[in-house]
Amino acid sequence: MIQIRLDTDGAIRSLAQTATNLQQGKKLYGVLGEALRTIHKQRFEKEQASPEGEKWQPLSPKYRARKKRNADKVLIKDGYLKDLLRYQTNDKGVVFGSDRKYARLHQFGSNKASGRGSGVPARPWLGVSKKNEDYLLAKTEHFIRRIISQS
């Protein structure tokens, strides 16, 4: 005679632990915050383009001539904008961006003359593309699979 014995207590404990872990989203949102930081740093360092892939408008010849560091890079002078990207997490989500005063100016541009030129063109740097969304989704799936396998 063959006997099969099922221990549902262990399975229930494991499922309860998995559910508890999945309800604590702060860890997941921390992973996504780091992924967003990576995406945006790459945008500054390699792509020099908006989330949609549109190249940022080049620097004016006048500004480029007087720019001492990173003269060939748009939106990178000393690197503060790309290096000081921040995120905050809680159990419900992640907020990502920059606290630099000029971050908004570069994102949306300005037609207000500063006395040196005719304003700053919009060079959208904040946001995610379809490819970025797929990457974030893959990170989320990996995180969930890891939680399930640990339970």
N, C-alpha and C. Protein backbone atom coordinates (compact mmCIF):
# COMPACT_ATOMS: atom_id res chain seq x y z
N MET A 1 0.83 -1.17 0.00
CA MET A 1 0.00 0.00 0.00
C MET A 1 0.88 1.25 0.00
N ILE A 2 0.56 2.20 -0.84
CA ILE A 2 1.29 3.47 -0.92
C ILE A 2 0.51 4.51 -0.14
N GLN A 3 1.25 5.24 0.68
CA GLN A 3 0.61 6.30 1.46
C GLN A 3 1.21 7.64 1.08
N ILE A 4 0.38 8.61 0.92
CA ILE A 4 0.82 9.98 0.67
C ILE A 4 0.32 10.83 1.81
N ARG A 5 1.23 11.55 2.39
CA ARG A 5 0.87 12.39 3.52
C ARG A 5 1.20 13.84 3.16
N LEU A 6 0.25 14.69 3.27
CA LEU A 6 0.43 16.10 2.97
C LEU A 6 0.49 16.91 4.25
N ASP A 7 1.50 17.74 4.34
CA ASP A 7 1.63 18.62 5.50
C ASP A 7 1.24 20.02 5.05
N THR A 8 -0.02 20.33 5.22
CA THR A 8 -0.49 21.66 4.79
C THR A 8 -0.04 22.76 5.72
N ASP A 9 0.31 22.44 6.94
CA ASP A 9 0.75 23.48 7.88
C ASP A 9 2.01 24.18 7.36
N GLY A 10 2.97 23.41 6.86
CA GLY A 10 4.20 24.00 6.32
C GLY A 10 3.92 24.86 5.10
N ALA A 11 3.05 24.37 4.23
CA ALA A 11 2.70 25.13 3.02
C ALA A 11 1.99 26.42 3.39
N ILE A 12 1.10 26.36 4.35
CA ILE A 12 0.37 27.56 4.77
C ILE A 12 1.32 28.57 5.38
N ARG A 13 2.25 28.10 6.21
CA ARG A 13 3.25 29.02 6.80
C ARG A 13 4.10 29.68 5.71
N SER A 14 4.50 28.88 4.73
CA SER A 14 5.32 29.40 3.63
C SER A 14 4.56 30.44 2.81
N LEU A 15 3.30 30.14 2.50
CA LEU A 15 2.47 31.10 1.75
C LEU A 15 2.23 32.37 2.55
N ALA A 16 2.01 32.22 3.85
CA ALA A 16 1.80 33.40 4.70
C ALA A 16 3.05 34.27 4.73
N GLN A 17 4.22 33.63 4.82
CA GLN A 17 5.48 34.39 4.83
C GLN A 17 5.68 35.10 3.49
N THR A 18 5.38 34.42 2.38
CA THR A 18 5.50 35.03 1.06
C THR A 18 4.58 36.23 0.95
N ALA A 19 3.34 36.07 1.40
CA ALA A 19 2.38 37.19 1.35
C ALA A 19 2.86 38.37 2.19
N THR A 20 3.40 38.09 3.35
CA THR A 20 3.93 39.16 4.22
C THR A 20 5.08 39.88 3.53
N ASN A 21 5.99 39.12 2.94
CA ASN A 21 7.13 39.73 2.25
C ASN A 21 6.69 40.57 1.06
N LEU A 22 5.69 40.10 0.33
CA LEU A 22 5.22 40.85 -0.83
C LEU A 22 4.48 42.12 -0.43
N GLN A 23 3.93 42.16 0.76
CA GLN A 23 3.23 43.36 1.23
C GLN A 23 4.20 44.43 1.70
N GLN A 24 5.42 44.07 1.95
CA GLN A 24 6.43 45.04 2.38
C GLN A 24 7.19 45.51 1.14
N GLY A 25 6.58 46.46 0.44
CA GLY A 25 7.11 46.89 -0.84
C GLY A 25 8.35 47.75 -0.79
N LYS A 26 8.72 48.24 0.39
CA LYS A 26 9.86 49.16 0.46
C LYS A 26 11.13 48.56 -0.12
N LYS A 27 11.36 47.27 0.10
CA LYS A 27 12.56 46.62 -0.44
C LYS A 27 12.52 46.61 -1.97
N LEU A 28 11.37 46.25 -2.52
CA LEU A 28 11.22 46.25 -3.98
C LEU A 28 11.45 47.65 -4.53
N TYR A 29 10.85 48.65 -3.90
CA TYR A 29 10.99 50.02 -4.40
C TYR A 29 12.42 50.53 -4.26
N GLY A 30 13.16 50.01 -3.29
CA GLY A 30 14.58 50.33 -3.19
C GLY A 30 15.35 49.78 -4.39
N VAL A 31 15.02 48.55 -4.78
CA VAL A 31 15.64 47.94 -5.96
C VAL A 31 15.31 48.77 -7.20
N LEU A 32 14.06 49.18 -7.32
CA LEU A 32 13.66 49.98 -8.48
C LEU A 32 14.30 51.37 -8.46
N GLY A 33 14.47 51.95 -7.28
CA GLY A 33 15.14 53.24 -7.17
C GLY A 33 16.58 53.17 -7.67
N GLU A 34 17.27 52.11 -7.29
CA GLU A 34 18.65 51.92 -7.77
C GLU A 34 18.67 51.69 -9.28
N ALA A 35 17.70 50.95 -9.79
CA ALA A 35 17.61 50.72 -11.23
C ALA A 35 17.36 52.05 -11.96
N LEU A 36 16.50 52.89 -11.42
CA LEU A 36 16.24 54.20 -12.02
C LEU A 36 17.51 55.05 -12.02
N ARG A 37 18.27 54.98 -10.95
CA ARG A 37 19.52 55.74 -10.89
C ARG A 37 20.47 55.26 -12.00
N THR A 38 20.58 53.96 -12.19
CA THR A 38 21.43 53.40 -13.24
C THR A 38 20.97 53.85 -14.62
N ILE A 39 19.67 53.77 -14.87
CA ILE A 39 19.10 54.18 -16.15
C ILE A 39 19.45 55.64 -16.45
N HIS A 40 19.26 56.50 -15.47
CA HIS A 40 19.46 57.93 -15.70
C HIS A 40 20.95 58.30 -15.80
N LYS A 41 21.80 57.65 -15.04
CA LYS A 41 23.24 57.91 -15.17
C LYS A 41 23.72 57.53 -16.57
N GLN A 42 23.22 56.40 -17.07
CA GLN A 42 23.59 55.98 -18.43
C GLN A 42 23.10 57.00 -19.45
N ARG A 43 21.93 57.55 -19.21
CA ARG A 43 21.38 58.56 -20.12
C ARG A 43 22.32 59.77 -20.20
N PHE A 44 22.84 60.18 -19.07
CA PHE A 44 23.77 61.32 -19.05
C PHE A 44 25.11 60.96 -19.68
N GLU A 45 25.65 59.81 -19.31
CA GLU A 45 27.02 59.46 -19.70
C GLU A 45 27.15 58.94 -21.12
N LYS A 46 26.17 58.18 -21.59
CA LYS A 46 26.32 57.54 -22.90
C LYS A 46 25.33 58.03 -23.94
N GLU A 47 24.06 58.08 -23.58
CA GLU A 47 23.02 58.34 -24.57
C GLU A 47 22.91 59.81 -24.94
N GLN A 48 23.00 60.70 -23.94
CA GLN A 48 22.83 62.14 -24.17
C GLN A 48 21.53 62.39 -24.96
N ALA A 49 20.46 61.76 -24.48
CA ALA A 49 19.17 61.83 -25.17
C ALA A 49 18.03 61.74 -24.17
N SER A 50 16.86 62.15 -24.63
CA SER A 50 15.65 62.07 -23.81
C SER A 50 15.25 60.61 -23.61
N PRO A 51 14.31 60.35 -22.72
CA PRO A 51 13.83 58.97 -22.56
C PRO A 51 13.30 58.38 -23.87
N GLU A 52 12.78 59.24 -24.74
CA GLU A 52 12.25 58.77 -26.02
C GLU A 52 13.35 58.55 -27.06
N GLY A 53 14.59 58.87 -26.70
CA GLY A 53 15.71 58.65 -27.61
C GLY A 53 16.08 59.85 -28.46
N GLU A 54 15.43 60.99 -28.24
CA GLU A 54 15.76 62.19 -29.02
C GLU A 54 17.01 62.83 -28.43
N LYS A 55 18.03 63.01 -29.28
CA LYS A 55 19.29 63.60 -28.82
C LYS A 55 19.03 64.99 -28.25
N TRP A 56 19.72 65.30 -27.17
CA TRP A 56 19.61 66.63 -26.59
C TRP A 56 20.22 67.65 -27.53
N GLN A 57 19.63 68.83 -27.54
CA GLN A 57 20.16 69.90 -28.38
C GLN A 57 21.60 70.18 -27.96
N PRO A 58 22.51 70.32 -28.93
CA PRO A 58 23.91 70.56 -28.58
C PRO A 58 24.08 71.90 -27.85
N LEU A 59 25.20 72.03 -27.19
CA LEU A 59 25.53 73.29 -26.53
C LEU A 59 25.75 74.37 -27.58
N SER A 60 25.45 75.58 -27.21
CA SER A 60 25.72 76.68 -28.14
C SER A 60 27.24 76.79 -28.30
N PRO A 61 27.70 77.18 -29.48
CA PRO A 61 29.15 77.31 -29.69
C PRO A 61 29.80 78.27 -28.68
N LYS A 62 29.08 79.32 -28.32
CA LYS A 62 29.61 80.30 -27.38
C LYS A 62 29.82 79.67 -25.99
N TYR A 63 28.81 78.92 -25.53
CA TYR A 63 28.93 78.28 -24.21
C TYR A 63 29.98 77.18 -24.24
N ARG A 64 29.97 76.41 -25.31
CA ARG A 64 30.94 75.31 -25.42
C ARG A 64 32.37 75.83 -25.39
N ALA A 65 32.62 76.98 -26.00
CA ALA A 65 33.97 77.55 -26.04
C ALA A 65 34.46 77.94 -24.64
N ARG A 66 33.55 78.37 -23.78
CA ARG A 66 33.99 78.78 -22.44
C ARG A 66 33.84 77.68 -21.39
N LYS A 67 33.23 76.56 -21.77
CA LYS A 67 33.06 75.45 -20.83
C LYS A 67 34.39 74.71 -20.70
N LYS A 68 34.92 74.67 -19.50
CA LYS A 68 36.25 74.08 -19.30
C LYS A 68 36.22 72.56 -19.13
N ARG A 69 35.26 72.04 -18.38
CA ARG A 69 35.19 70.60 -18.13
C ARG A 69 34.04 69.99 -18.91
N ASN A 70 34.26 68.79 -19.40
CA ASN A 70 33.22 68.05 -20.12
C ASN A 70 32.62 68.86 -21.26
N ALA A 71 33.46 69.54 -22.01
CA ALA A 71 33.00 70.43 -23.09
C ALA A 71 32.21 69.68 -24.16
N ASP A 72 32.45 68.38 -24.28
CA ASP A 72 31.74 67.60 -25.30
C ASP A 72 30.44 66.99 -24.78
N LYS A 73 30.12 67.20 -23.51
CA LYS A 73 28.92 66.61 -22.91
C LYS A 73 27.85 67.66 -22.63
N VAL A 74 26.63 67.33 -23.00
CA VAL A 74 25.48 68.18 -22.69
C VAL A 74 24.98 67.78 -21.30
N LEU A 75 24.59 68.74 -20.50
CA LEU A 75 24.06 68.56 -19.15
C LEU A 75 25.07 67.98 -18.16
N ILE A 76 26.34 68.01 -18.52
CA ILE A 76 27.37 67.58 -17.57
C ILE A 76 28.47 68.63 -17.57
N LYS A 77 28.52 69.38 -16.50
CA LYS A 77 29.62 70.32 -16.30
C LYS A 77 30.52 69.74 -15.21
N ASP A 78 30.04 69.79 -13.99
CA ASP A 78 30.77 69.18 -12.87
C ASP A 78 30.21 67.81 -12.51
N GLY A 79 29.07 67.44 -13.11
CA GLY A 79 28.47 66.13 -12.86
C GLY A 79 27.48 66.09 -11.72
N TYR A 80 27.14 67.25 -11.16
CA TYR A 80 26.26 67.26 -9.99
C TYR A 80 24.86 66.72 -10.31
N LEU A 81 24.30 67.09 -11.44
CA LEU A 81 22.94 66.64 -11.76
C LEU A 81 22.90 65.12 -11.88
N LYS A 82 23.81 64.55 -12.63
CA LYS A 82 23.79 63.08 -12.82
C LYS A 82 24.26 62.33 -11.58
N ASP A 83 25.15 62.94 -10.80
CA ASP A 83 25.69 62.24 -9.63
C ASP A 83 24.83 62.40 -8.38
N LEU A 84 23.93 63.36 -8.37
CA LEU A 84 23.11 63.60 -7.19
C LEU A 84 21.64 63.24 -7.43
N LEU A 85 21.41 62.22 -8.23
CA LEU A 85 20.05 61.71 -8.42
C LEU A 85 19.63 61.01 -7.13
N ARG A 86 18.40 61.22 -6.73
CA ARG A 86 17.92 60.71 -5.45
C ARG A 86 16.60 59.98 -5.62
N TYR A 87 16.34 59.08 -4.67
CA TYR A 87 15.02 58.46 -4.60
C TYR A 87 14.64 58.26 -3.15
N GLN A 88 13.33 58.24 -2.92
CA GLN A 88 12.78 57.95 -1.61
C GLN A 88 11.76 56.84 -1.78
N THR A 89 11.75 55.92 -0.83
CA THR A 89 10.82 54.79 -0.91
C THR A 89 9.98 54.69 0.35
N ASN A 90 8.84 54.06 0.18
CA ASN A 90 8.03 53.60 1.31
C ASN A 90 7.35 52.32 0.83
N ASP A 91 6.40 51.80 1.57
CA ASP A 91 5.76 50.54 1.17
C ASP A 91 4.82 50.70 -0.02
N LYS A 92 4.58 51.93 -0.46
CA LYS A 92 3.63 52.16 -1.55
C LYS A 92 4.27 52.60 -2.85
N GLY A 93 5.56 52.98 -2.84
CA GLY A 93 6.16 53.42 -4.08
C GLY A 93 7.54 54.03 -3.91
N VAL A 94 8.03 54.56 -5.02
CA VAL A 94 9.33 55.22 -5.06
C VAL A 94 9.16 56.56 -5.76
N VAL A 95 9.80 57.58 -5.23
CA VAL A 95 9.84 58.91 -5.85
C VAL A 95 11.29 59.12 -6.27
N PHE A 96 11.49 59.49 -7.54
CA PHE A 96 12.83 59.61 -8.09
C PHE A 96 13.01 60.97 -8.74
N GLY A 97 14.18 61.54 -8.60
CA GLY A 97 14.47 62.81 -9.26
C GLY A 97 15.74 63.44 -8.74
N SER A 98 15.77 64.77 -8.79
CA SER A 98 16.92 65.53 -8.34
C SER A 98 16.45 66.74 -7.55
N ASP A 99 17.21 67.10 -6.53
CA ASP A 99 16.88 68.30 -5.76
C ASP A 99 17.70 69.51 -6.24
N ARG A 100 18.45 69.34 -7.30
CA ARG A 100 19.21 70.47 -7.86
C ARG A 100 18.24 71.50 -8.41
N LYS A 101 18.49 72.77 -8.13
CA LYS A 101 17.59 73.84 -8.56
C LYS A 101 17.45 73.89 -10.08
N TYR A 102 18.49 73.55 -10.78
CA TYR A 102 18.49 73.66 -12.24
C TYR A 102 17.97 72.40 -12.94
N ALA A 103 17.61 71.36 -12.19
CA ALA A 103 17.10 70.13 -12.80
C ALA A 103 15.84 70.40 -13.62
N ARG A 104 14.93 71.16 -13.05
CA ARG A 104 13.68 71.49 -13.74
C ARG A 104 13.95 72.34 -14.98
N LEU A 105 14.87 73.29 -14.86
CA LEU A 105 15.21 74.16 -15.98
C LEU A 105 15.68 73.33 -17.17
N HIS A 106 16.55 72.35 -16.93
CA HIS A 106 17.05 71.53 -18.02
C HIS A 106 15.97 70.59 -18.56
N GLN A 107 15.09 70.11 -17.71
CA GLN A 107 14.02 69.21 -18.15
C GLN A 107 13.05 69.94 -19.09
N PHE A 108 12.63 71.13 -18.69
CA PHE A 108 11.57 71.84 -19.43
C PHE A 108 12.08 73.02 -20.25
N GLY A 109 13.29 73.49 -19.99
CA GLY A 109 13.83 74.62 -20.72
C GLY A 109 13.27 75.94 -20.22
N SER A 110 13.76 77.00 -20.80
CA SER A 110 13.32 78.34 -20.43
C SER A 110 13.55 79.28 -21.60
N ASN A 111 12.58 80.14 -21.85
CA ASN A 111 12.79 81.15 -22.89
C ASN A 111 13.18 82.48 -22.27
N LYS A 112 13.35 82.47 -20.96
CA LYS A 112 13.71 83.67 -20.21
C LYS A 112 15.20 83.94 -20.37
N ALA A 113 15.53 85.09 -20.88
CA ALA A 113 16.94 85.44 -21.09
C ALA A 113 17.64 85.65 -19.75
N SER A 114 18.84 85.11 -19.65
CA SER A 114 19.61 85.25 -18.42
C SER A 114 20.62 86.38 -18.52
N GLY A 115 20.61 87.07 -19.63
CA GLY A 115 21.59 88.12 -19.84
C GLY A 115 22.74 87.63 -20.70
N ARG A 116 22.90 86.33 -20.82
CA ARG A 116 24.00 85.77 -21.63
C ARG A 116 23.50 85.17 -22.94
N GLY A 117 22.23 84.92 -23.02
CA GLY A 117 21.70 84.27 -24.22
C GLY A 117 20.20 84.38 -24.23
N SER A 118 19.58 83.55 -24.99
CA SER A 118 18.12 83.64 -25.12
C SER A 118 17.39 82.53 -24.38
N GLY A 119 17.97 82.03 -23.33
CA GLY A 119 17.30 80.99 -22.56
C GLY A 119 17.98 79.64 -22.72
N VAL A 120 17.34 78.64 -22.15
CA VAL A 120 17.89 77.29 -22.15
C VAL A 120 16.89 76.37 -22.86
N PRO A 121 17.34 75.61 -23.86
CA PRO A 121 16.42 74.69 -24.52
C PRO A 121 16.06 73.52 -23.60
N ALA A 122 14.86 72.99 -23.78
CA ALA A 122 14.46 71.81 -23.01
C ALA A 122 15.32 70.63 -23.44
N ARG A 123 15.84 69.95 -22.45
CA ARG A 123 16.61 68.72 -22.69
C ARG A 123 16.09 67.68 -21.69
N PRO A 124 14.96 67.06 -22.02
CA PRO A 124 14.35 66.12 -21.07
C PRO A 124 15.31 64.98 -20.71
N TRP A 125 15.56 64.87 -19.43
CA TRP A 125 16.46 63.83 -18.93
C TRP A 125 15.76 62.87 -17.99
N LEU A 126 14.64 63.30 -17.42
CA LEU A 126 13.92 62.50 -16.43
C LEU A 126 12.75 61.77 -17.08
N GLY A 127 12.66 60.48 -16.83
CA GLY A 127 11.57 59.68 -17.38
C GLY A 127 12.07 58.31 -17.79
N VAL A 128 11.16 57.48 -18.23
CA VAL A 128 11.54 56.13 -18.66
C VAL A 128 10.98 55.84 -20.04
N SER A 129 11.76 55.11 -20.81
CA SER A 129 11.35 54.67 -22.14
C SER A 129 10.67 53.31 -22.02
N LYS A 130 10.17 52.79 -23.11
CA LYS A 130 9.58 51.45 -23.13
C LYS A 130 10.64 50.42 -22.73
N LYS A 131 11.85 50.59 -23.24
CA LYS A 131 12.96 49.69 -22.89
C LYS A 131 13.24 49.76 -21.39
N ASN A 132 13.22 50.98 -20.83
CA ASN A 132 13.43 51.14 -19.39
C ASN A 132 12.31 50.48 -18.60
N GLU A 133 11.07 50.62 -19.07
CA GLU A 133 9.92 49.98 -18.40
C GLU A 133 10.10 48.47 -18.37
N ASP A 134 10.54 47.92 -19.50
CA ASP A 134 10.77 46.47 -19.57
C ASP A 134 11.85 46.04 -18.58
N TYR A 135 12.90 46.83 -18.45
CA TYR A 135 13.98 46.55 -17.51
C TYR A 135 13.45 46.60 -16.07
N LEU A 136 12.65 47.61 -15.75
CA LEU A 136 12.09 47.73 -14.40
C LEU A 136 11.13 46.58 -14.10
N LEU A 137 10.36 46.17 -15.10
CA LEU A 137 9.46 45.03 -14.93
C LEU A 137 10.26 43.75 -14.69
N ALA A 138 11.34 43.56 -15.43
CA ALA A 138 12.19 42.38 -15.23
C ALA A 138 12.79 42.38 -13.83
N LYS A 139 13.21 43.54 -13.35
CA LYS A 139 13.73 43.66 -11.98
C LYS A 139 12.66 43.27 -10.96
N THR A 140 11.42 43.72 -11.20
CA THR A 140 10.31 43.40 -10.30
C THR A 140 10.03 41.90 -10.31
N GLU A 141 9.98 41.30 -11.50
CA GLU A 141 9.73 39.86 -11.59
C GLU A 141 10.82 39.07 -10.88
N HIS A 142 12.06 39.46 -11.07
CA HIS A 142 13.18 38.78 -10.40
C HIS A 142 13.04 38.89 -8.88
N PHE A 143 12.68 40.06 -8.41
CA PHE A 143 12.51 40.29 -6.97
C PHE A 143 11.42 39.38 -6.41
N ILE A 144 10.29 39.31 -7.10
CA ILE A 144 9.17 38.48 -6.64
C ILE A 144 9.55 37.00 -6.66
N ARG A 145 10.21 36.57 -7.72
CA ARG A 145 10.64 35.16 -7.80
C ARG A 145 11.58 34.82 -6.65
N ARG A 146 12.48 35.75 -6.33
CA ARG A 146 13.42 35.52 -5.23
C ARG A 146 12.69 35.38 -3.90
N ILE A 147 11.69 36.22 -3.68
CA ILE A 147 10.91 36.12 -2.43
C ILE A 147 10.18 34.78 -2.36
N ILE A 148 9.58 34.38 -3.48
CA ILE A 148 8.83 33.11 -3.49
C ILE A 148 9.77 31.93 -3.25
N SER A 149 10.95 31.97 -3.86
CA SER A 149 11.88 30.84 -3.69
C SER A 149 12.47 30.78 -2.28
N GLN A 150 12.50 31.91 -1.58
CA GLN A 150 13.03 31.93 -0.21
C GLN A 150 11.99 31.51 0.82
N SER A 151 10.74 31.48 0.43
CA SER A 151 9.67 31.16 1.40
C SER A 151 9.51 29.67 1.58
